[in-house]
Amino acid sequence: MDFFEAVRSRRSIRQYTNDPVPDAIIQKALEAAVLAPNSSNTQTWDFYWVQSPEKKAKLVHACLNQAAARTCAQMVVVTADPRNWRRSQKPMLAFLEQVKAPRIVKKYYKQLVPVAYTSGPLNIFGLMKWIVAFAIGIFQPMTRGPHFKGEIQAMAMKSAALAAENFVLAIAAQGYSTCMMEGFDEWRVRRLLKLRCSGRIAMVIAIGKEAERGTWGPQFRIPLSEVVHII
């Protein structure tokens, strides 16, 4: 299946058959997920492949017992934690030394990334960043964030969402179906996964083989002319 066929065929499937999904399918999709573009290549995502029957049952319950969760063969939770930039920094710096990266690139990862991902207690450092950016921005184009905790979290969530998209397209390309569920009790899912306070749930993904009535109707999108603006 080529890329555009995978994009066209992907639907949010609400009902699955009893057919199992081989682990190799999930593994290959996860390998595709981590190739997704992300903020400064900090890779602040995590993927929880829920294989324990007991934990899967709890996750289904936290997903409000919706049909997609109840009937799917596999479940993967994509999370975002901006503090994970620390996890990637050391191997990234070692990699940059190994490939003899330009000095400006090394400086970016050693100095600028820590600044970008830090807001400080009560967002104090974030406020300082905002003031500096605002002052410079009066005279020249300037990045206007992220400064505050919420903005940094949103940046990590965007990266996780990109990874989730890679994942579901990789599943579709292998002939299986998914449903990216946003209907879940985040507090219960976070507790089940034992996430630290900075971790958020980006998506809970159900994976399986589409049942006969997996969707209630054909796909709908508003016209391209309504969303594409040529300026």
Protein backbone atom coordinates (compact mmCIF):
# COMPACT_ATOMS: atom_id res chain seq x y z
CA MET A 1 0.00 0.00 0.00
CA ASP A 2 1.47 3.38 -1.00
CA PHE A 3 1.38 6.46 1.20
CA PHE A 4 -1.66 8.15 -0.35
CA GLU A 5 -3.67 4.94 -0.29
CA ALA A 6 -2.86 4.57 3.42
CA VAL A 7 -3.98 8.16 4.05
CA ARG A 8 -7.23 7.66 2.13
CA SER A 9 -8.05 4.29 3.71
CA ARG A 10 -7.36 5.30 7.32
CA ARG A 11 -10.60 5.74 9.25
CA SER A 12 -11.46 5.90 12.94
CA ILE A 13 -12.87 2.40 13.38
CA ARG A 14 -15.26 1.93 16.29
CA GLN A 15 -15.82 -1.83 16.10
CA TYR A 16 -13.29 -4.63 15.55
CA THR A 17 -13.36 -8.35 14.86
CA ASN A 18 -11.85 -10.95 17.19
CA ASP A 19 -8.84 -11.35 14.88
CA PRO A 20 -5.52 -10.81 16.67
CA VAL A 21 -3.01 -8.19 15.57
CA PRO A 22 0.51 -9.68 15.44
CA ASP A 23 3.06 -7.96 17.66
CA ALA A 24 5.25 -7.46 14.58
CA ILE A 25 2.62 -5.08 13.16
CA ILE A 26 2.72 -2.90 16.27
CA GLN A 27 6.51 -3.01 16.44
CA LYS A 28 6.86 -1.84 12.85
CA ALA A 29 4.38 0.98 13.44
CA LEU A 30 6.27 2.09 16.55
CA GLU A 31 9.47 2.19 14.52
CA ALA A 32 7.68 4.50 12.09
CA ALA A 33 6.25 6.61 14.93
CA VAL A 34 9.65 7.59 16.32
CA LEU A 35 10.70 8.84 12.88
CA ALA A 36 8.09 11.60 13.08
CA PRO A 37 9.22 15.22 12.98
CA ASN A 38 9.35 16.79 16.42
CA SER A 39 10.42 19.91 18.23
CA SER A 40 14.22 20.32 18.03
CA ASN A 41 14.50 16.51 17.79
CA THR A 42 14.11 16.35 21.57
CA GLN A 43 11.76 13.35 21.21
CA THR A 44 9.71 14.17 24.29
CA TRP A 45 7.18 11.42 23.55
CA ASP A 46 6.68 7.97 25.09
CA PHE A 47 4.65 5.01 23.85
CA TYR A 48 2.94 2.62 26.25
CA TRP A 49 2.09 -0.64 24.50
CA VAL A 50 -0.45 -2.16 26.87
CA GLN A 51 -0.05 -5.95 26.72
CA SER A 52 -1.09 -6.96 30.24
CA PRO A 53 -4.74 -8.17 30.16
CA GLU A 54 -5.32 -6.67 33.60
CA LYS A 55 -3.97 -3.25 32.62
CA LYS A 56 -5.76 -3.35 29.29
CA ALA A 57 -9.05 -3.95 31.13
CA LYS A 58 -8.34 -0.91 33.33
CA LEU A 59 -7.45 1.15 30.27
CA VAL A 60 -10.70 0.14 28.55
CA HIS A 61 -12.58 1.21 31.67
CA ALA A 62 -10.71 4.55 31.68
CA CYS A 63 -11.70 4.96 28.01
CA LEU A 64 -15.33 4.94 29.15
CA ASN A 65 -15.83 1.38 27.90
CA GLN A 66 -16.39 2.69 24.38
CA ALA A 67 -16.70 0.05 21.65
CA ALA A 68 -13.36 0.83 20.00
CA ALA A 69 -11.55 0.16 23.27
CA ARG A 70 -13.64 -2.89 24.21
CA THR A 71 -13.26 -4.73 20.91
CA CYS A 72 -9.74 -3.85 19.76
CA ALA A 73 -6.92 -6.39 19.82
CA GLN A 74 -4.13 -4.02 20.88
CA MET A 75 -3.82 -0.64 22.58
CA VAL A 76 -1.04 1.93 22.55
CA VAL A 77 -0.98 5.15 24.56
CA VAL A 78 1.07 8.08 23.26
CA THR A 79 2.22 10.51 25.93
CA ALA A 80 4.05 13.84 25.98
CA ASP A 81 6.44 15.03 28.67
CA PRO A 82 8.52 18.18 28.00
CA ARG A 83 10.96 17.14 30.72
CA ASN A 84 12.09 14.31 28.43
CA TRP A 85 14.37 16.78 26.64
CA ARG A 86 16.89 15.89 29.33
CA ARG A 87 16.71 12.23 28.30
CA SER A 88 17.67 13.01 24.73
CA GLN A 89 20.23 15.77 25.33
CA LYS A 90 23.23 13.66 26.36
CA PRO A 91 22.99 11.11 23.51
CA MET A 92 22.27 13.97 21.09
CA LEU A 93 25.40 15.85 22.12
CA ALA A 94 27.44 12.66 21.83
CA PHE A 95 25.98 12.07 18.36
CA LEU A 96 26.84 15.62 17.29
CA GLU A 97 30.44 15.10 18.38
CA GLN A 98 30.58 11.80 16.51
CA VAL A 99 29.35 13.27 13.23
CA LYS A 100 31.40 16.46 13.69
CA ALA A 101 28.36 18.70 13.53
CA PRO A 102 28.85 22.46 13.04
CA ARG A 103 29.61 24.43 16.16
CA ILE A 104 26.35 26.38 15.93
CA VAL A 105 24.37 23.13 16.01
CA LYS A 106 26.22 21.94 19.13
CA LYS A 107 25.59 25.32 20.76
CA TYR A 108 21.90 25.10 19.93
CA TYR A 109 21.46 21.75 21.70
CA LYS A 110 23.76 22.56 24.59
CA GLN A 111 22.50 26.05 25.39
CA LEU A 112 19.30 27.01 23.59
CA VAL A 113 17.26 23.83 24.04
CA PRO A 114 17.55 23.93 27.87
CA VAL A 115 16.39 27.56 27.78
CA ALA A 116 13.45 26.77 25.50
CA TYR A 117 12.22 23.92 27.74
CA THR A 118 12.56 25.78 31.05
CA SER A 119 9.90 28.02 32.58
CA GLY A 120 11.11 28.03 36.19
CA PRO A 121 9.11 28.00 39.45
CA LEU A 122 5.78 29.82 39.02
CA ASN A 123 6.78 30.53 35.39
CA ILE A 124 9.25 33.20 36.57
CA PHE A 125 11.92 32.28 34.02
CA GLY A 126 9.19 32.05 31.38
CA LEU A 127 8.15 35.61 32.15
CA MET A 128 11.76 36.76 31.77
CA LYS A 129 11.95 35.02 28.38
CA TRP A 130 8.68 36.67 27.34
CA ILE A 131 9.95 40.15 28.28
CA VAL A 132 13.21 39.66 26.34
CA ALA A 133 11.40 38.28 23.30
CA PHE A 134 8.86 41.11 23.37
CA ALA A 135 11.58 43.76 23.60
CA ILE A 136 13.61 42.30 20.74
CA GLY A 137 10.46 41.69 18.70
CA ILE A 138 9.73 45.43 18.60
CA PHE A 139 12.70 45.91 16.31
CA GLN A 140 12.98 42.61 14.40
CA PRO A 141 11.22 39.27 13.84
CA MET A 142 11.53 37.13 16.95
CA THR A 143 10.23 33.77 18.11
CA ARG A 144 7.39 34.42 20.55
CA GLY A 145 7.63 31.23 22.55
CA PRO A 146 7.48 28.84 24.08
CA HIS A 147 7.94 30.74 27.33
CA PHE A 148 5.49 29.46 29.90
CA LYS A 149 4.78 25.97 31.19
CA GLY A 150 1.58 25.60 29.20
CA GLU A 151 3.30 26.61 25.96
CA ILE A 152 6.14 24.16 26.55
CA GLN A 153 3.62 21.40 27.26
CA ALA A 154 1.75 22.27 24.06
CA MET A 155 4.99 21.96 22.11
CA ALA A 156 5.55 18.45 23.48
CA MET A 157 1.93 17.54 22.71
CA LYS A 158 2.35 18.62 19.08
CA SER A 159 5.36 16.36 18.72
CA ALA A 160 3.46 13.43 20.27
CA ALA A 161 0.52 14.05 17.92
CA LEU A 162 2.85 13.88 14.91
CA ALA A 163 4.20 10.57 16.17
CA ALA A 164 0.64 9.26 16.66
CA GLU A 165 -0.16 10.15 13.04
CA ASN A 166 2.89 8.25 11.81
CA PHE A 167 1.81 5.30 13.93
CA VAL A 168 -1.75 5.05 12.62
CA LEU A 169 -0.67 5.48 9.00
CA ALA A 170 1.89 2.70 9.47
CA ILE A 171 -0.87 0.47 10.87
CA ALA A 172 -3.11 1.31 7.89
CA ALA A 173 -0.29 0.54 5.46
CA GLN A 174 -0.07 -2.94 6.96
CA GLY A 175 -3.77 -3.65 6.46
CA TYR A 176 -5.10 -3.01 9.97
CA SER A 177 -7.28 -0.29 11.48
CA THR A 178 -7.07 2.19 14.33
CA CYS A 179 -9.07 4.63 16.36
CA MET A 180 -7.34 7.59 17.99
CA MET A 181 -9.49 8.03 21.06
CA GLU A 182 -9.75 11.32 22.92
CA GLY A 183 -12.65 10.15 25.07
CA PHE A 184 -10.89 8.95 28.20
CA ASP A 185 -10.38 9.79 31.85
CA GLU A 186 -6.90 11.30 31.73
CA TRP A 187 -6.43 11.12 35.51
CA ARG A 188 -7.06 7.37 35.50
CA VAL A 189 -4.88 6.73 32.45
CA ARG A 190 -2.03 8.78 33.91
CA ARG A 191 -2.33 6.85 37.16
CA LEU A 192 -2.38 3.51 35.32
CA LEU A 193 0.80 4.42 33.42
CA LYS A 194 2.42 5.96 36.52
CA LEU A 195 3.27 9.18 34.72
CA ARG A 196 5.00 12.00 36.55
CA CYS A 197 3.14 15.28 36.94
CA SER A 198 4.63 16.78 33.77
CA GLY A 199 3.41 13.90 31.59
CA ARG A 200 0.21 14.23 29.54
CA ILE A 201 -1.81 11.79 27.45
CA ALA A 202 -1.75 12.81 23.80
CA MET A 203 -3.74 9.88 22.42
CA VAL A 204 -5.04 6.43 23.27
CA ILE A 205 -4.97 4.31 20.11
CA ALA A 206 -7.04 1.18 19.54
CA ILE A 207 -5.72 -1.26 16.93
CA GLY A 208 -7.52 -4.17 15.30
CA LYS A 209 -9.18 -5.64 12.24
CA GLU A 210 -12.23 -3.65 11.16
CA ALA A 211 -15.56 -5.33 11.78
CA GLU A 212 -18.43 -5.25 9.27
CA ARG A 213 -19.93 -2.19 10.92
CA GLY A 214 -16.70 -0.53 11.95
CA THR A 215 -17.97 2.89 10.88
CA TRP A 216 -21.52 4.24 10.67
CA GLY A 217 -21.08 5.85 7.24
CA PRO A 218 -18.76 7.21 4.55
CA GLN A 219 -15.94 9.64 5.29
CA PHE A 220 -16.82 13.34 5.43
CA ARG A 221 -14.54 16.34 5.00
CA ILE A 222 -15.49 19.94 4.25
CA PRO A 223 -14.30 21.16 0.80
CA LEU A 224 -10.60 21.87 0.35
CA SER A 225 -11.50 25.38 -0.82
CA GLU A 226 -12.84 26.13 2.67
CA VAL A 227 -9.57 25.36 4.45
CA VAL A 228 -6.84 26.20 1.93
CA HIS A 229 -6.08 29.91 1.71
CA ILE A 230 -3.83 31.17 -1.06
CA ILE A 231 -2.41 34.56 -0.10
